[in-house]
Amino acid sequence: MKINSILVATTVLASGSACASDNYANYDYIEAGYAKFEQNEFYDLPEDLSGFKIAASKRLGHFFIAAQYLQTKDDQQATISEYDYPYSYELHGDLDYELTEARITAGVIVDITDSQSIDFSLSYVDSELEGTFTAHKATMLYPRYEEFTIDPISESETADADIYRFETRYVARFNDFNFKAIAGAERIDVDYDDDTSFIYGGELGYSVTDAFSVNISYNNYDYYEISGVNIRYHF
């Protein structure tokens, strides 16, 4: 009887450990990888910017906290027309865009099985888009036509937005595969306007080892999309 009791107890403890291990592994991690920002709503902005994303998450009982930083950039050639009476001219140079997002998240977790859970979270995102034009050449159009090289002239403009997100996620691990499905809402507050929209996304990952996984993700935020590939360390 004692031997049977010990075997039963050991089996239960092992099962409980597997439950904690799988569900905690889905939330306890640090990651880094490639990120791509895409949009087609605003004609005067680039359609896509590429860069990197780093993130970390920690489970605390039935709660979790997370932080994320994203930076994407785009460089292109541009020409700007200027008029300063009586002169009309064009400036030629580089137009550089940089988008950064710093995000903090807190949520509650409901475990469904030993490897599946649903969570509900609130996030705040500080988003900043900066555009910098640096002129290297100029073309005078009036009163005479002339091309000449100039000392670099730079001008920058910055747009800030406060973003609030509510998300519901289904998180699961099946053998060596990790899966996340996301749905929720996002509110964007800027100086001149604010808007609320539906958001959705997903993530698929493969566990190379017990500690490391490779993941691909896609998130649609109505006006824009963010996708990426990352390497994640589970602790």
C-alpha atoms as a PDB file:
ATOM      1  CA  MET A   1       0.000   0.000   0.000  1.00  0.00           C
ATOM      2  CA  LYS A   2       2.757   2.432   0.885  1.00  0.00           C
ATOM      3  CA  ILE A   3       4.518   1.746  -2.398  1.00  0.00           C
ATOM      4  CA  ASN A   4       1.282   2.291  -4.344  1.00  0.00           C
ATOM      5  CA  SER A   5       0.579   5.499  -2.436  1.00  0.00           C
ATOM      6  CA  ILE A   6       4.054   6.793  -3.177  1.00  0.00           C
ATOM      7  CA  LEU A   7       3.685   5.979  -6.882  1.00  0.00           C
ATOM      8  CA  VAL A   8       0.300   7.722  -7.060  1.00  0.00           C
ATOM      9  CA  ALA A   9       1.606  10.777  -5.228  1.00  0.00           C
ATOM     10  CA  THR A  10       4.663  10.926  -7.487  1.00  0.00           C
ATOM     11  CA  THR A  11       2.468  10.733 -10.597  1.00  0.00           C
ATOM     12  CA  VAL A  12       0.218  13.541  -9.343  1.00  0.00           C
ATOM     13  CA  LEU A  13       3.183  15.750  -8.480  1.00  0.00           C
ATOM     14  CA  ALA A  14       4.777  15.098 -11.875  1.00  0.00           C
ATOM     15  CA  SER A  15       1.510  15.977 -13.589  1.00  0.00           C
ATOM     16  CA  GLY A  16       1.248  19.168 -11.562  1.00  0.00           C
ATOM     17  CA  SER A  17       4.815  20.071 -12.399  1.00  0.00           C
ATOM     18  CA  ALA A  18       4.129  19.575 -16.112  1.00  0.00           C
ATOM     19  CA  CYS A  19       1.067  21.809 -15.807  1.00  0.00           C
ATOM     20  CA  ALA A  20       3.032  24.568 -14.117  1.00  0.00           C
ATOM     21  CA  SER A  21       5.948  24.130 -16.505  1.00  0.00           C
ATOM     22  CA  ASP A  22       3.864  24.414 -19.706  1.00  0.00           C
ATOM     23  CA  ASN A  23       1.601  27.232 -18.602  1.00  0.00           C
ATOM     24  CA  TYR A  24       4.401  29.207 -16.996  1.00  0.00           C
ATOM     25  CA  ALA A  25       6.640  28.726 -20.033  1.00  0.00           C
ATOM     26  CA  ASN A  26       3.997  30.473 -22.126  1.00  0.00           C
ATOM     27  CA  TYR A  27       4.369  33.629 -20.008  1.00  0.00           C
ATOM     28  CA  ASP A  28       7.908  33.550 -18.555  1.00  0.00           C
ATOM     29  CA  TYR A  29      10.277  34.634 -21.318  1.00  0.00           C
ATOM     30  CA  ILE A  30      12.478  37.258 -22.908  1.00  0.00           C
ATOM     31  CA  GLU A  31      12.670  37.681 -26.687  1.00  0.00           C
ATOM     32  CA  ALA A  32      14.320  39.638 -29.477  1.00  0.00           C
ATOM     33  CA  GLY A  33      13.766  39.665 -33.217  1.00  0.00           C
ATOM     34  CA  TYR A  34      12.822  41.328 -36.475  1.00  0.00           C
ATOM     35  CA  ALA A  35       9.723  43.539 -36.762  1.00  0.00           C
ATOM     36  CA  LYS A  36       7.913  45.088 -39.733  1.00  0.00           C
ATOM     37  CA  PHE A  37       5.357  47.913 -39.609  1.00  0.00           C
ATOM     38  CA  GLU A  38       2.995  48.309 -42.580  1.00  0.00           C
ATOM     39  CA  GLN A  39       0.263  50.844 -43.403  1.00  0.00           C
ATOM     40  CA  ASN A  40      -1.626  52.057 -46.475  1.00  0.00           C
ATOM     41  CA  GLU A  41      -3.963  54.665 -44.973  1.00  0.00           C
ATOM     42  CA  PHE A  42      -1.681  57.711 -45.156  1.00  0.00           C
ATOM     43  CA  TYR A  43      -0.200  58.534 -48.566  1.00  0.00           C
ATOM     44  CA  ASP A  44       2.439  60.907 -47.179  1.00  0.00           C
ATOM     45  CA  LEU A  45       3.997  58.199 -44.966  1.00  0.00           C
ATOM     46  CA  PRO A  46       6.029  55.143 -46.049  1.00  0.00           C
ATOM     47  CA  GLU A  47       4.055  51.959 -46.546  1.00  0.00           C
ATOM     48  CA  ASP A  48       6.435  49.872 -44.453  1.00  0.00           C
ATOM     49  CA  LEU A  49       9.214  50.320 -41.921  1.00  0.00           C
ATOM     50  CA  SER A  50      11.549  47.578 -40.706  1.00  0.00           C
ATOM     51  CA  GLY A  51      13.519  47.154 -37.499  1.00  0.00           C
ATOM     52  CA  PHE A  52      13.593  45.175 -34.288  1.00  0.00           C
ATOM     53  CA  LYS A  53      11.504  44.297 -31.264  1.00  0.00           C
ATOM     54  CA  ILE A  54      12.522  43.205 -27.763  1.00  0.00           C
ATOM     55  CA  ALA A  55      10.088  42.013 -25.103  1.00  0.00           C
ATOM     56  CA  ALA A  56       9.826  40.302 -21.729  1.00  0.00           C
ATOM     57  CA  SER A  57       6.991  38.692 -19.784  1.00  0.00           C
ATOM     58  CA  LYS A  58       6.608  37.276 -16.272  1.00  0.00           C
ATOM     59  CA  ARG A  59       3.794  35.238 -14.722  1.00  0.00           C
ATOM     60  CA  LEU A  60       2.859  35.947 -11.100  1.00  0.00           C
ATOM     61  CA  GLY A  61       0.334  33.328 -10.024  1.00  0.00           C
ATOM     62  CA  HIS A  62      -2.835  34.034 -12.001  1.00  0.00           C
ATOM     63  CA  PHE A  63      -1.489  37.379 -13.259  1.00  0.00           C
ATOM     64  CA  PHE A  64       1.220  38.448 -15.681  1.00  0.00           C
ATOM     65  CA  ILE A  65       3.118  41.592 -16.582  1.00  0.00           C
ATOM     66  CA  ALA A  66       4.963  42.325 -19.823  1.00  0.00           C
ATOM     67  CA  ALA A  67       7.017  45.034 -21.497  1.00  0.00           C
ATOM     68  CA  GLN A  68       7.944  45.589 -25.129  1.00  0.00           C
ATOM     69  CA  TYR A  69      10.026  48.018 -27.184  1.00  0.00           C
ATOM     70  CA  LEU A  70       9.783  48.296 -30.972  1.00  0.00           C
ATOM     71  CA  GLN A  71      11.856  50.416 -33.338  1.00  0.00           C
ATOM     72  CA  THR A  72      11.388  50.499 -37.122  1.00  0.00           C
ATOM     73  CA  LYS A  73      12.903  52.757 -39.788  1.00  0.00           C
ATOM     74  CA  ASP A  74      12.656  53.678 -43.459  1.00  0.00           C
ATOM     75  CA  ASP A  75      15.042  55.732 -45.643  1.00  0.00           C
ATOM     76  CA  GLN A  76      14.160  57.211 -49.030  1.00  0.00           C
ATOM     77  CA  GLN A  77      15.142  59.933 -51.485  1.00  0.00           C
ATOM     78  CA  ALA A  78      12.918  63.016 -51.539  1.00  0.00           C
ATOM     79  CA  THR A  79      12.526  66.424 -53.184  1.00  0.00           C
ATOM     80  CA  ILE A  80      10.857  69.385 -51.480  1.00  0.00           C
ATOM     81  CA  SER A  81       9.716  72.501 -53.344  1.00  0.00           C
ATOM     82  CA  GLU A  82      10.290  75.887 -51.692  1.00  0.00           C
ATOM     83  CA  TYR A  83       9.379  79.486 -52.588  1.00  0.00           C
ATOM     84  CA  ASP A  84      11.085  82.514 -51.112  1.00  0.00           C
ATOM     85  CA  TYR A  85      10.209  85.601 -53.168  1.00  0.00           C
ATOM     86  CA  PRO A  86      11.467  86.109 -55.778  1.00  0.00           C
ATOM     87  CA  TYR A  87      13.216  82.706 -55.765  1.00  0.00           C
ATOM     88  CA  SER A  88      11.654  79.331 -56.539  1.00  0.00           C
ATOM     89  CA  TYR A  89      13.784  76.258 -55.900  1.00  0.00           C
ATOM     90  CA  GLU A  90      13.854  72.570 -54.966  1.00  0.00           C
ATOM     91  CA  LEU A  91      15.811  70.818 -52.224  1.00  0.00           C
ATOM     92  CA  HIS A  92      17.008  67.249 -52.836  1.00  0.00           C
ATOM     93  CA  GLY A  93      18.044  64.857 -50.081  1.00  0.00           C
ATOM     94  CA  ASP A  94      17.176  61.994 -47.731  1.00  0.00           C
ATOM     95  CA  LEU A  95      13.893  61.542 -45.881  1.00  0.00           C
ATOM     96  CA  ASP A  96      14.283  59.285 -42.844  1.00  0.00           C
ATOM     97  CA  TYR A  97      11.383  57.936 -40.774  1.00  0.00           C
ATOM     98  CA  GLU A  98      11.681  56.299 -37.369  1.00  0.00           C
ATOM     99  CA  LEU A  99       8.776  54.743 -35.472  1.00  0.00           C
ATOM    100  CA  THR A 100       9.221  53.704 -31.836  1.00  0.00           C
ATOM    101  CA  GLU A 101       6.726  52.061 -29.494  1.00  0.00           C
ATOM    102  CA  ALA A 102       7.187  51.388 -25.772  1.00  0.00           C
ATOM    103  CA  ARG A 103       4.469  49.130 -24.361  1.00  0.00           C
ATOM    104  CA  ILE A 104       3.596  47.922 -20.851  1.00  0.00           C
ATOM    105  CA  THR A 105       0.947  45.268 -20.196  1.00  0.00           C
ATOM    106  CA  ALA A 106      -0.774  43.710 -17.188  1.00  0.00           C
ATOM    107  CA  GLY A 107      -3.300  40.901 -17.284  1.00  0.00           C
ATOM    108  CA  VAL A 108      -5.080  38.023 -15.587  1.00  0.00           C
ATOM    109  CA  ILE A 109      -4.709  34.366 -16.614  1.00  0.00           C
ATOM    110  CA  VAL A 110      -7.333  31.615 -16.587  1.00  0.00           C
ATOM    111  CA  ASP A 111      -5.798  28.134 -17.030  1.00  0.00           C
ATOM    112  CA  ILE A 112      -7.972  25.760 -19.061  1.00  0.00           C
ATOM    113  CA  THR A 113      -5.763  22.651 -19.052  1.00  0.00           C
ATOM    114  CA  ASP A 114      -2.167  21.874 -18.210  1.00  0.00           C
ATOM    115  CA  SER A 115      -1.006  23.507 -21.467  1.00  0.00           C
ATOM    116  CA  GLN A 116      -3.810  25.898 -22.462  1.00  0.00           C
ATOM    117  CA  SER A 117      -4.995  29.184 -21.004  1.00  0.00           C
ATOM    118  CA  ILE A 118      -6.940  32.354 -21.756  1.00  0.00           C
ATOM    119  CA  ASP A 119      -5.792  35.765 -20.579  1.00  0.00           C
ATOM    120  CA  PHE A 120      -7.291  39.250 -20.462  1.00  0.00           C
ATOM    121  CA  SER A 121      -4.971  42.254 -20.499  1.00  0.00           C
ATOM    122  CA  LEU A 122      -4.721  46.031 -20.646  1.00  0.00           C
ATOM    123  CA  SER A 123      -1.810  47.783 -22.334  1.00  0.00           C
ATOM    124  CA  TYR A 124      -0.504  51.310 -22.652  1.00  0.00           C
ATOM    125  CA  VAL A 125       1.667  52.160 -25.665  1.00  0.00           C
ATOM    126  CA  ASP A 126       3.722  55.329 -26.070  1.00  0.00           C
ATOM    127  CA  SER A 127       4.128  55.689 -29.850  1.00  0.00           C
ATOM    128  CA  GLU A 128       6.337  58.240 -31.618  1.00  0.00           C
ATOM    129  CA  LEU A 129       6.927  58.801 -35.320  1.00  0.00           C
ATOM    130  CA  GLU A 130       9.768  61.106 -36.348  1.00  0.00           C
ATOM    131  CA  GLY A 131      10.527  62.268 -39.864  1.00  0.00           C
ATOM    132  CA  THR A 132      13.821  63.975 -40.751  1.00  0.00           C
ATOM    133  CA  PHE A 133      14.629  65.557 -44.110  1.00  0.00           C
ATOM    134  CA  THR A 134      18.298  66.276 -44.870  1.00  0.00           C
ATOM    135  CA  ALA A 135      19.017  68.281 -48.043  1.00  0.00           C
ATOM    136  CA  HIS A 136      22.325  67.876 -49.892  1.00  0.00           C
ATOM    137  CA  LYS A 137      21.573  69.490 -53.246  1.00  0.00           C
ATOM    138  CA  ALA A 138      19.417  72.339 -54.536  1.00  0.00           C
ATOM    139  CA  THR A 139      17.977  73.353 -57.874  1.00  0.00           C
ATOM    140  CA  MET A 140      17.009  76.969 -58.501  1.00  0.00           C
ATOM    141  CA  LEU A 141      13.973  77.167 -60.824  1.00  0.00           C
ATOM    142  CA  TYR A 142      13.374  80.946 -60.938  1.00  0.00           C
ATOM    143  CA  PRO A 143      14.569  83.556 -61.838  1.00  0.00           C
ATOM    144  CA  ARG A 144      17.213  81.322 -63.488  1.00  0.00           C
ATOM    145  CA  TYR A 145      17.847  77.593 -63.602  1.00  0.00           C
ATOM    146  CA  GLU A 146      20.907  76.397 -61.674  1.00  0.00           C
ATOM    147  CA  GLU A 147      21.949  73.239 -59.826  1.00  0.00           C
ATOM    148  CA  PHE A 148      24.386  73.370 -56.934  1.00  0.00           C
ATOM    149  CA  THR A 149      25.588  71.430 -53.893  1.00  0.00           C
ATOM    150  CA  ILE A 150      24.851  72.850 -50.451  1.00  0.00           C
ATOM    151  CA  ASP A 151      25.929  72.171 -46.893  1.00  0.00           C
ATOM    152  CA  PRO A 152      23.523  69.639 -45.326  1.00  0.00           C
ATOM    153  CA  ILE A 153      20.319  71.209 -44.012  1.00  0.00           C
ATOM    154  CA  SER A 154      18.089  69.121 -41.696  1.00  0.00           C
ATOM    155  CA  GLU A 155      14.533  69.590 -40.488  1.00  0.00           C
ATOM    156  CA  SER A 156      12.551  67.191 -38.268  1.00  0.00           C
ATOM    157  CA  GLU A 157       8.926  66.735 -37.291  1.00  0.00           C
ATOM    158  CA  THR A 158       7.542  64.430 -34.593  1.00  0.00           C
ATOM    159  CA  ALA A 159       4.065  63.000 -34.028  1.00  0.00           C
ATOM    160  CA  ASP A 160       3.127  61.359 -30.720  1.00  0.00           C
ATOM    161  CA  ALA A 161       0.217  59.077 -29.875  1.00  0.00           C
ATOM    162  CA  ASP A 162      -1.083  57.453 -26.694  1.00  0.00           C
ATOM    163  CA  ILE A 163      -2.497  53.993 -27.404  1.00  0.00           C
ATOM    164  CA  TYR A 164      -4.665  51.907 -25.074  1.00  0.00           C
ATOM    165  CA  ARG A 165      -5.363  48.240 -25.842  1.00  0.00           C
ATOM    166  CA  PHE A 166      -7.644  45.602 -24.361  1.00  0.00           C
ATOM    167  CA  GLU A 167      -6.835  42.100 -25.554  1.00  0.00           C
ATOM    168  CA  THR A 168      -8.133  38.574 -25.030  1.00  0.00           C
ATOM    169  CA  ARG A 169      -5.684  35.805 -25.937  1.00  0.00           C
ATOM    170  CA  TYR A 170      -5.891  32.054 -26.250  1.00  0.00           C
ATOM    171  CA  VAL A 171      -2.441  30.622 -25.421  1.00  0.00           C
ATOM    172  CA  ALA A 172      -1.547  26.968 -25.920  1.00  0.00           C
ATOM    173  CA  ARG A 173       1.372  24.579 -26.235  1.00  0.00           C
ATOM    174  CA  PHE A 174       0.971  21.343 -28.217  1.00  0.00           C
ATOM    175  CA  ASN A 175       4.079  19.170 -27.993  1.00  0.00           C
ATOM    176  CA  ASP A 176       6.798  21.340 -29.530  1.00  0.00           C
ATOM    177  CA  PHE A 177       4.466  23.963 -30.980  1.00  0.00           C
ATOM    178  CA  ASN A 178       3.230  27.178 -29.353  1.00  0.00           C
ATOM    179  CA  PHE A 179       0.116  29.000 -30.491  1.00  0.00           C
ATOM    180  CA  LYS A 180      -1.559  32.317 -29.641  1.00  0.00           C
ATOM    181  CA  ALA A 181      -4.776  33.858 -30.990  1.00  0.00           C
ATOM    182  CA  ILE A 182      -5.566  37.489 -30.151  1.00  0.00           C
ATOM    183  CA  ALA A 183      -8.693  39.662 -30.369  1.00  0.00           C
ATOM    184  CA  GLY A 184      -9.516  42.982 -28.744  1.00  0.00           C
ATOM    185  CA  ALA A 185      -9.875  46.727 -29.143  1.00  0.00           C
ATOM    186  CA  GLU A 186      -7.481  49.661 -29.458  1.00  0.00           C
ATOM    187  CA  ARG A 187      -7.952  53.367 -28.780  1.00  0.00           C
ATOM    188  CA  ILE A 188      -5.495  55.861 -30.292  1.00  0.00           C
ATOM    189  CA  ASP A 189      -5.311  59.373 -28.810  1.00  0.00           C
ATOM    190  CA  VAL A 190      -3.416  62.047 -30.751  1.00  0.00           C
ATOM    191  CA  ASP A 191      -3.431  65.839 -30.538  1.00  0.00           C
ATOM    192  CA  TYR A 192      -5.947  66.343 -33.328  1.00  0.00           C
ATOM    193  CA  ASP A 193      -8.120  63.225 -33.118  1.00  0.00           C
ATOM    194  CA  ASP A 194      -8.847  59.892 -31.428  1.00  0.00           C
ATOM    195  CA  ASP A 195     -10.189  56.623 -32.727  1.00  0.00           C
ATOM    196  CA  THR A 196     -11.207  53.164 -31.478  1.00  0.00           C
ATOM    197  CA  SER A 197     -10.887  50.050 -33.628  1.00  0.00           C
ATOM    198  CA  PHE A 198     -11.056  46.254 -33.515  1.00  0.00           C
ATOM    199  CA  ILE A 199      -7.733  44.390 -33.464  1.00  0.00           C
ATOM    200  CA  TYR A 200      -6.747  40.770 -34.026  1.00  0.00           C
ATOM    201  CA  GLY A 201      -3.662  38.673 -34.532  1.00  0.00           C
ATOM    202  CA  GLY A 202      -1.840  35.442 -33.911  1.00  0.00           C
ATOM    203  CA  GLU A 203       1.477  33.781 -33.275  1.00  0.00           C
ATOM    204  CA  LEU A 204       2.939  30.369 -34.116  1.00  0.00           C
ATOM    205  CA  GLY A 205       6.134  29.069 -32.573  1.00  0.00           C
ATOM    206  CA  TYR A 206       8.321  25.980 -32.503  1.00  0.00           C
ATOM    207  CA  SER A 207      10.311  24.927 -29.430  1.00  0.00           C
ATOM    208  CA  VAL A 208      13.837  24.131 -30.561  1.00  0.00           C
ATOM    209  CA  THR A 209      14.704  23.108 -26.993  1.00  0.00           C
ATOM    210  CA  ASP A 210      12.914  23.310 -23.645  1.00  0.00           C
ATOM    211  CA  ALA A 211      14.357  26.792 -23.184  1.00  0.00           C
ATOM    212  CA  PHE A 212      14.348  28.288 -26.697  1.00  0.00           C
ATOM    213  CA  SER A 213      11.654  28.762 -29.334  1.00  0.00           C
ATOM    214  CA  VAL A 214      11.365  30.470 -32.726  1.00  0.00           C
ATOM    215  CA  ASN A 215       8.114  32.362 -33.379  1.00  0.00           C
ATOM    216  CA  ILE A 216       6.361  34.223 -36.188  1.00  0.00           C
ATOM    217  CA  SER A 217       3.620  36.747 -35.414  1.00  0.00           C
ATOM    218  CA  TYR A 218       1.062  38.950 -37.156  1.00  0.00           C
ATOM    219  CA  ASN A 219      -1.147  41.655 -35.618  1.00  0.00           C
ATOM    220  CA  ASN A 220      -3.735  43.784 -37.415  1.00  0.00           C
ATOM    221  CA  TYR A 221      -4.584  47.137 -35.789  1.00  0.00           C
ATOM    222  CA  ASP A 222      -7.039  48.330 -38.462  1.00  0.00           C
ATOM    223  CA  TYR A 223      -4.954  51.284 -39.702  1.00  0.00           C
ATOM    224  CA  TYR A 224      -1.675  49.382 -39.605  1.00  0.00           C
ATOM    225  CA  GLU A 225      -0.122  45.936 -39.221  1.00  0.00           C
ATOM    226  CA  ILE A 226       2.897  44.645 -37.306  1.00  0.00           C
ATOM    227  CA  SER A 227       4.532  41.318 -38.118  1.00  0.00           C
ATOM    228  CA  GLY A 228       7.773  39.725 -37.062  1.00  0.00           C
ATOM    229  CA  VAL A 229      10.057  36.792 -36.330  1.00  0.00           C
ATOM    230  CA  ASN A 230      11.723  36.340 -32.950  1.00  0.00           C
ATOM    231  CA  ILE A 231      13.835  34.042 -30.810  1.00  0.00           C
ATOM    232  CA  ARG A 232      12.424  33.529 -27.313  1.00  0.00           C
ATOM    233  CA  TYR A 233      14.120  32.282 -24.170  1.00  0.00           C
ATOM    234  CA  HIS A 234      11.755  30.647 -21.668  1.00  0.00           C
ATOM    235  CA  PHE A 235      12.840  30.677 -18.032  1.00  0.00           C
END
